[in-house]
Each structure stands twice: as structure tokens, then as C-alpha cells.
N, C-alpha and C. Protein backbone atom coordinates (compact mmCIF):
# COMPACT_ATOMS: atom_id res chain seq x y z
N TYR A 1 40.85 -13.31 20.90
CA TYR A 1 39.41 -13.53 20.95
C TYR A 1 38.94 -13.53 22.39
N ALA A 2 37.74 -13.08 22.61
CA ALA A 2 37.19 -13.02 23.96
C ALA A 2 36.81 -14.39 24.50
N SER A 3 36.50 -15.32 23.60
CA SER A 3 36.14 -16.67 24.03
C SER A 3 36.52 -17.66 22.93
N ILE A 4 36.52 -18.91 23.27
CA ILE A 4 36.81 -19.95 22.29
C ILE A 4 35.74 -19.95 21.21
N ALA A 5 34.51 -19.70 21.60
CA ALA A 5 33.38 -19.68 20.66
C ALA A 5 33.58 -18.62 19.57
N ASP A 6 34.30 -17.55 19.87
CA ASP A 6 34.52 -16.47 18.91
C ASP A 6 35.56 -16.80 17.84
N ILE A 7 36.32 -17.86 18.05
CA ILE A 7 37.37 -18.22 17.10
C ILE A 7 36.74 -18.87 15.88
N PRO A 8 37.00 -18.34 14.69
CA PRO A 8 36.44 -18.97 13.49
C PRO A 8 37.15 -20.29 13.18
N GLY A 9 36.40 -21.26 12.75
CA GLY A 9 36.99 -22.55 12.37
C GLY A 9 37.31 -23.42 13.56
N ASN A 10 38.11 -24.46 13.29
CA ASN A 10 38.46 -25.43 14.31
C ASN A 10 39.65 -24.97 15.14
N VAL A 11 39.77 -25.56 16.32
CA VAL A 11 40.83 -25.23 17.27
C VAL A 11 41.53 -26.53 17.65
N ASP A 12 42.80 -26.69 17.29
CA ASP A 12 43.53 -27.91 17.64
C ASP A 12 43.87 -27.95 19.12
N MET A 13 44.34 -26.81 19.65
CA MET A 13 44.82 -26.75 21.02
C MET A 13 44.39 -25.44 21.66
N VAL A 14 43.83 -25.54 22.86
CA VAL A 14 43.52 -24.35 23.65
C VAL A 14 44.74 -24.11 24.55
N ASP A 15 45.40 -22.98 24.37
CA ASP A 15 46.60 -22.63 25.14
C ASP A 15 46.22 -21.57 26.17
N ILE A 16 46.26 -21.95 27.43
CA ILE A 16 45.85 -21.04 28.51
C ILE A 16 47.06 -20.29 29.03
N PHE A 17 47.09 -19.01 28.74
CA PHE A 17 48.16 -18.13 29.18
C PHE A 17 47.57 -17.08 30.12
N ARG A 18 46.83 -17.58 31.10
CA ARG A 18 46.16 -16.74 32.10
C ARG A 18 46.47 -17.34 33.46
N GLY A 19 45.99 -16.73 34.51
CA GLY A 19 46.21 -17.25 35.85
C GLY A 19 45.51 -18.58 36.07
N SER A 20 46.02 -19.34 37.03
CA SER A 20 45.45 -20.65 37.33
C SER A 20 43.97 -20.58 37.66
N ASP A 21 43.54 -19.48 38.28
CA ASP A 21 42.12 -19.34 38.65
C ASP A 21 41.22 -19.19 37.43
N ALA A 22 41.74 -18.75 36.31
CA ALA A 22 40.95 -18.61 35.08
C ALA A 22 40.86 -19.91 34.30
N ALA A 23 41.71 -20.87 34.61
CA ALA A 23 41.79 -22.11 33.83
C ALA A 23 40.49 -22.92 33.89
N LEU A 24 39.83 -22.95 35.03
CA LEU A 24 38.62 -23.75 35.15
C LEU A 24 37.54 -23.30 34.18
N GLY A 25 37.27 -22.01 34.13
CA GLY A 25 36.25 -21.50 33.22
C GLY A 25 36.61 -21.74 31.76
N ILE A 26 37.87 -21.57 31.42
CA ILE A 26 38.31 -21.80 30.05
C ILE A 26 38.18 -23.28 29.70
N CYS A 27 38.54 -24.14 30.62
CA CYS A 27 38.43 -25.58 30.38
C CYS A 27 36.98 -26.01 30.23
N LYS A 28 36.09 -25.44 31.02
CA LYS A 28 34.66 -25.76 30.89
C LYS A 28 34.16 -25.36 29.50
N GLU A 29 34.58 -24.19 29.02
CA GLU A 29 34.19 -23.77 27.68
C GLU A 29 34.78 -24.72 26.63
N ALA A 30 36.03 -25.11 26.80
CA ALA A 30 36.67 -26.02 25.86
C ALA A 30 35.93 -27.35 25.80
N VAL A 31 35.53 -27.87 26.94
CA VAL A 31 34.78 -29.13 26.98
C VAL A 31 33.45 -28.97 26.24
N ASN A 32 32.76 -27.87 26.48
CA ASN A 32 31.46 -27.64 25.84
C ASN A 32 31.56 -27.48 24.33
N LEU A 33 32.69 -26.99 23.85
CA LEU A 33 32.87 -26.74 22.41
C LEU A 33 33.76 -27.77 21.73
N ALA A 34 34.23 -28.77 22.46
CA ALA A 34 35.22 -29.72 21.93
C ALA A 34 34.76 -30.38 20.64
N ASP A 35 33.53 -30.83 20.59
CA ASP A 35 33.05 -31.51 19.38
C ASP A 35 32.90 -30.54 18.21
N ASP A 36 32.30 -29.39 18.46
CA ASP A 36 32.08 -28.42 17.38
C ASP A 36 33.38 -27.84 16.85
N LYS A 37 34.33 -27.57 17.74
CA LYS A 37 35.59 -26.92 17.36
C LYS A 37 36.73 -27.91 17.13
N LYS A 38 36.45 -29.20 17.34
CA LYS A 38 37.47 -30.26 17.15
C LYS A 38 38.67 -30.10 18.10
N ILE A 39 38.38 -29.63 19.32
CA ILE A 39 39.44 -29.43 20.32
C ILE A 39 39.90 -30.78 20.84
N LYS A 40 41.20 -30.99 20.88
CA LYS A 40 41.77 -32.24 21.35
C LYS A 40 42.70 -32.07 22.56
N VAL A 41 43.26 -30.86 22.72
CA VAL A 41 44.27 -30.63 23.75
C VAL A 41 44.02 -29.30 24.44
N VAL A 42 44.21 -29.30 25.76
CA VAL A 42 44.23 -28.06 26.53
C VAL A 42 45.62 -27.96 27.15
N TRP A 43 46.30 -26.86 26.89
CA TRP A 43 47.67 -26.65 27.36
C TRP A 43 47.67 -25.45 28.30
N MET A 44 48.15 -25.68 29.52
CA MET A 44 48.28 -24.60 30.50
C MET A 44 49.75 -24.23 30.61
N GLN A 45 50.05 -22.96 30.38
CA GLN A 45 51.43 -22.46 30.32
C GLN A 45 52.16 -22.59 31.65
N LEU A 46 53.44 -22.25 31.63
CA LEU A 46 54.26 -22.27 32.84
C LEU A 46 53.58 -21.52 33.98
N GLY A 47 53.49 -22.15 35.13
CA GLY A 47 52.88 -21.53 36.29
C GLY A 47 51.38 -21.68 36.37
N VAL A 48 50.75 -22.22 35.34
CA VAL A 48 49.29 -22.39 35.33
C VAL A 48 49.00 -23.85 35.70
N VAL A 49 48.44 -24.02 36.90
CA VAL A 49 48.10 -25.34 37.41
C VAL A 49 46.71 -25.28 38.02
N ASN A 50 45.81 -26.14 37.54
CA ASN A 50 44.47 -26.22 38.10
C ASN A 50 44.00 -27.66 37.93
N ASN A 51 44.10 -28.43 39.01
CA ASN A 51 43.78 -29.85 38.95
C ASN A 51 42.31 -30.12 38.66
N GLU A 52 41.42 -29.28 39.15
CA GLU A 52 40.00 -29.45 38.87
C GLU A 52 39.73 -29.28 37.37
N ALA A 53 40.34 -28.28 36.77
CA ALA A 53 40.20 -28.06 35.33
C ALA A 53 40.75 -29.25 34.55
N LYS A 54 41.89 -29.77 34.99
CA LYS A 54 42.49 -30.93 34.34
C LYS A 54 41.55 -32.12 34.38
N GLU A 55 40.98 -32.39 35.54
CA GLU A 55 40.09 -33.53 35.70
C GLU A 55 38.85 -33.41 34.81
N ILE A 56 38.30 -32.22 34.71
CA ILE A 56 37.13 -32.01 33.85
C ILE A 56 37.47 -32.29 32.39
N CYS A 57 38.60 -31.79 31.95
CA CYS A 57 39.02 -32.01 30.56
C CYS A 57 39.27 -33.49 30.30
N GLU A 58 40.00 -34.13 31.19
CA GLU A 58 40.31 -35.55 30.99
C GLU A 58 39.06 -36.41 31.02
N ALA A 59 38.08 -36.04 31.83
CA ALA A 59 36.81 -36.78 31.89
C ALA A 59 36.06 -36.71 30.57
N HIS A 60 36.38 -35.70 29.76
CA HIS A 60 35.75 -35.52 28.45
C HIS A 60 36.72 -35.83 27.31
N ASN A 61 37.73 -36.65 27.62
CA ASN A 61 38.69 -37.16 26.62
C ASN A 61 39.56 -36.09 25.96
N LEU A 62 39.78 -34.98 26.64
CA LEU A 62 40.73 -34.00 26.15
C LEU A 62 42.08 -34.26 26.82
N LYS A 63 43.15 -34.16 26.07
CA LYS A 63 44.49 -34.30 26.63
C LYS A 63 44.84 -32.98 27.31
N VAL A 64 45.56 -33.06 28.41
CA VAL A 64 45.90 -31.87 29.19
C VAL A 64 47.39 -31.85 29.50
N VAL A 65 47.99 -30.68 29.33
CA VAL A 65 49.37 -30.43 29.74
C VAL A 65 49.32 -29.21 30.66
N MET A 66 49.96 -29.32 31.82
CA MET A 66 49.97 -28.20 32.76
C MET A 66 51.40 -27.79 33.09
N ASP A 67 51.55 -26.50 33.34
CA ASP A 67 52.82 -25.95 33.83
C ASP A 67 53.98 -26.22 32.87
N ARG A 68 53.70 -26.10 31.59
CA ARG A 68 54.72 -26.30 30.56
C ARG A 68 54.55 -25.25 29.46
N CYS A 69 55.63 -24.98 28.76
CA CYS A 69 55.62 -24.04 27.64
C CYS A 69 55.77 -24.83 26.34
N PRO A 70 54.85 -24.67 25.39
CA PRO A 70 54.97 -25.42 24.13
C PRO A 70 56.28 -25.16 23.40
N LYS A 71 56.76 -23.94 23.41
CA LYS A 71 58.01 -23.61 22.71
C LYS A 71 59.19 -24.35 23.33
N ILE A 72 59.25 -24.37 24.66
CA ILE A 72 60.33 -25.08 25.35
C ILE A 72 60.22 -26.58 25.11
N GLU A 73 59.01 -27.12 25.18
CA GLU A 73 58.83 -28.56 24.97
C GLU A 73 59.18 -28.96 23.55
N TYR A 74 58.79 -28.16 22.58
CA TYR A 74 59.14 -28.43 21.19
C TYR A 74 60.66 -28.46 21.03
N SER A 75 61.30 -27.45 21.60
CA SER A 75 62.76 -27.36 21.51
C SER A 75 63.43 -28.54 22.21
N ARG A 76 62.89 -28.93 23.34
CA ARG A 76 63.45 -30.07 24.09
C ARG A 76 63.33 -31.35 23.27
N LEU A 77 62.19 -31.56 22.66
CA LEU A 77 61.96 -32.78 21.89
C LEU A 77 62.78 -32.84 20.61
N PHE A 78 63.07 -31.69 20.03
CA PHE A 78 63.79 -31.66 18.76
C PHE A 78 65.22 -31.15 18.87
N GLY A 79 65.75 -31.16 20.11
CA GLY A 79 67.16 -30.85 20.32
C GLY A 79 67.55 -29.41 20.05
N GLU A 80 66.65 -28.48 20.23
CA GLU A 80 66.92 -27.09 19.91
C GLU A 80 67.00 -26.19 21.15
N LEU A 81 67.09 -26.77 22.34
CA LEU A 81 67.11 -25.96 23.56
C LEU A 81 68.27 -24.98 23.60
N GLY A 82 69.40 -25.37 23.04
CA GLY A 82 70.56 -24.50 23.02
C GLY A 82 70.29 -23.20 22.27
N TRP A 83 69.39 -23.23 21.32
CA TRP A 83 69.03 -22.03 20.55
C TRP A 83 68.35 -20.99 21.42
N HIS A 84 67.76 -21.46 22.53
CA HIS A 84 67.00 -20.57 23.40
C HIS A 84 67.73 -20.26 24.70
N GLY A 85 69.00 -20.66 24.78
CA GLY A 85 69.78 -20.35 25.97
C GLY A 85 69.71 -21.42 27.05
N PHE A 86 69.09 -22.57 26.75
CA PHE A 86 69.04 -23.68 27.71
C PHE A 86 70.07 -24.71 27.27
N ASP A 87 70.87 -25.17 28.21
CA ASP A 87 71.84 -26.23 27.88
C ASP A 87 71.76 -27.35 28.86
């Protein structure tokens, strides 16, 4: 989708898989649509770090994760890292 607004229905998590410089604009859109789309979390992938974007989200009660991969974190939490070549 070109924007969060274009996504039909609710959005549990906004996953930013773009450059750090794009995160601010995406986070501003997420904040503006949080109530309508039921957004609760903004996740910035590995290598994506933008402290200003994080602060804006947190100021509007959105949880933020930066510089992490959901797949790796899921595997780490549930003991499946070995399946992905991490030991």
C-alpha cells in the first residue's frame, strides 16, 4: 500500500522496512491514524533508527521497537533461533 490510510481495516503493527529518513513521515501518519486504524505498535526493522520518530510515537502512546527484526525476535523468544542459523 502507498500509505497506512490505504490499508483496509485495522492495523495492529506498522512495520517500517524503509530507510531511517522515511521513518519520521511514516510515524507521523501512524500517529494521525492510530485511533481510526487501532494502531498500537510501530516497529522499525534492522538498521532503521529515528529517535525523533520514536519520541513522537511514544508521546501518543504508541509502543516503538527500533533496529530489530520481528522474525528474529519471535524466534529468540520462543527458542527457535537455531532454525534460522543463529546459535
